[in-house]
Protein backbone atom coordinates (compact mmCIF):
# COMPACT_ATOMS: atom_id res chain seq x y z
CA MET A 1 -83.15 -43.78 -81.10
CA ASP A 2 -82.64 -47.15 -82.75
CA TYR A 3 -83.99 -50.50 -81.62
CA ILE A 4 -83.34 -54.23 -81.51
CA LEU A 5 -86.23 -56.38 -82.71
CA ALA A 6 -86.94 -59.41 -80.50
CA GLU A 7 -89.34 -61.76 -82.27
CA GLY A 8 -90.54 -63.58 -79.17
CA ASP A 9 -90.26 -64.10 -75.43
CA ARG A 10 -86.99 -66.01 -75.61
CA GLN A 11 -85.29 -63.41 -77.77
CA LEU A 12 -86.54 -60.68 -75.45
CA GLY A 13 -85.01 -62.56 -72.52
CA VAL A 14 -81.69 -62.84 -74.33
CA CYS A 15 -81.76 -59.13 -75.13
CA LEU A 16 -82.54 -58.13 -71.54
CA ARG A 17 -79.84 -60.43 -70.15
CA MET A 18 -77.42 -58.79 -72.57
CA LEU A 19 -78.33 -55.21 -71.59
CA TYR A 20 -78.87 -55.40 -67.80
CA PRO A 21 -75.24 -56.13 -66.74
CA GLU A 22 -74.01 -53.24 -68.87
CA GLN A 23 -76.47 -50.85 -67.15
CA THR A 24 -77.68 -49.63 -70.52
CA ARG A 25 -80.84 -47.52 -70.59
CA PHE A 26 -83.58 -48.94 -72.77
CA LYS A 27 -87.32 -48.90 -73.38
CA ILE A 28 -89.47 -51.82 -74.56
CA SER A 29 -92.39 -51.44 -76.93
CA SER A 30 -94.59 -54.37 -77.97
CA VAL A 31 -96.09 -54.45 -81.48
CA LEU A 32 -98.05 -56.90 -83.62
CA ASN A 33 -96.40 -57.89 -86.88
CA ASP A 34 -98.29 -58.40 -90.14
CA ARG A 35 -99.02 -62.05 -89.25
CA GLY A 36 -100.55 -61.07 -85.91
CA LYS A 37 -97.64 -62.25 -83.74
CA LEU A 38 -96.24 -60.21 -80.88
CA GLU A 39 -92.79 -58.68 -81.32
CA PHE A 40 -90.78 -56.48 -78.98
CA GLN A 41 -88.83 -53.41 -79.99
CA VAL A 42 -86.08 -52.67 -77.45
CA TYR A 43 -85.09 -49.03 -77.93
CA ILE A 44 -81.55 -48.19 -76.84
CA ASP A 45 -80.44 -44.62 -76.15
CA LEU A 46 -76.80 -44.82 -77.30
CA ASP A 47 -74.62 -43.68 -80.18
CA THR A 48 -74.77 -45.56 -83.48
CA ASP A 49 -71.48 -47.43 -83.03
CA ARG A 50 -72.56 -48.85 -79.68
CA ILE A 51 -76.01 -49.77 -81.03
CA GLU A 52 -74.39 -51.70 -83.90
CA TYR A 53 -72.23 -53.52 -81.34
CA TYR A 54 -75.33 -54.61 -79.41
CA LYS A 55 -77.20 -55.60 -82.60
CA ASN A 56 -74.30 -57.79 -83.71
CA LYS A 57 -74.00 -59.32 -80.25
CA PHE A 58 -77.76 -60.01 -80.17
CA ASP A 59 -77.66 -61.63 -83.62
CA THR A 60 -74.80 -63.85 -82.49
CA LEU A 61 -76.60 -64.89 -79.30
CA THR A 62 -79.89 -65.68 -81.04
CA SER A 63 -78.52 -67.54 -84.05
């Protein structure tokens, strides 16, 4: 299972708004990075092509 890395609350919100309408199954795990900041790993249970689609879409929405 691969994941999308959301580096803050706003990026997590963007990711969730992207995944909810598509009814995609996911799991969120919170971790501390090396600087002590909270990051969220959104694990998606899909095939690799679909995961790459969502990663590209997330990068476009957050840039």
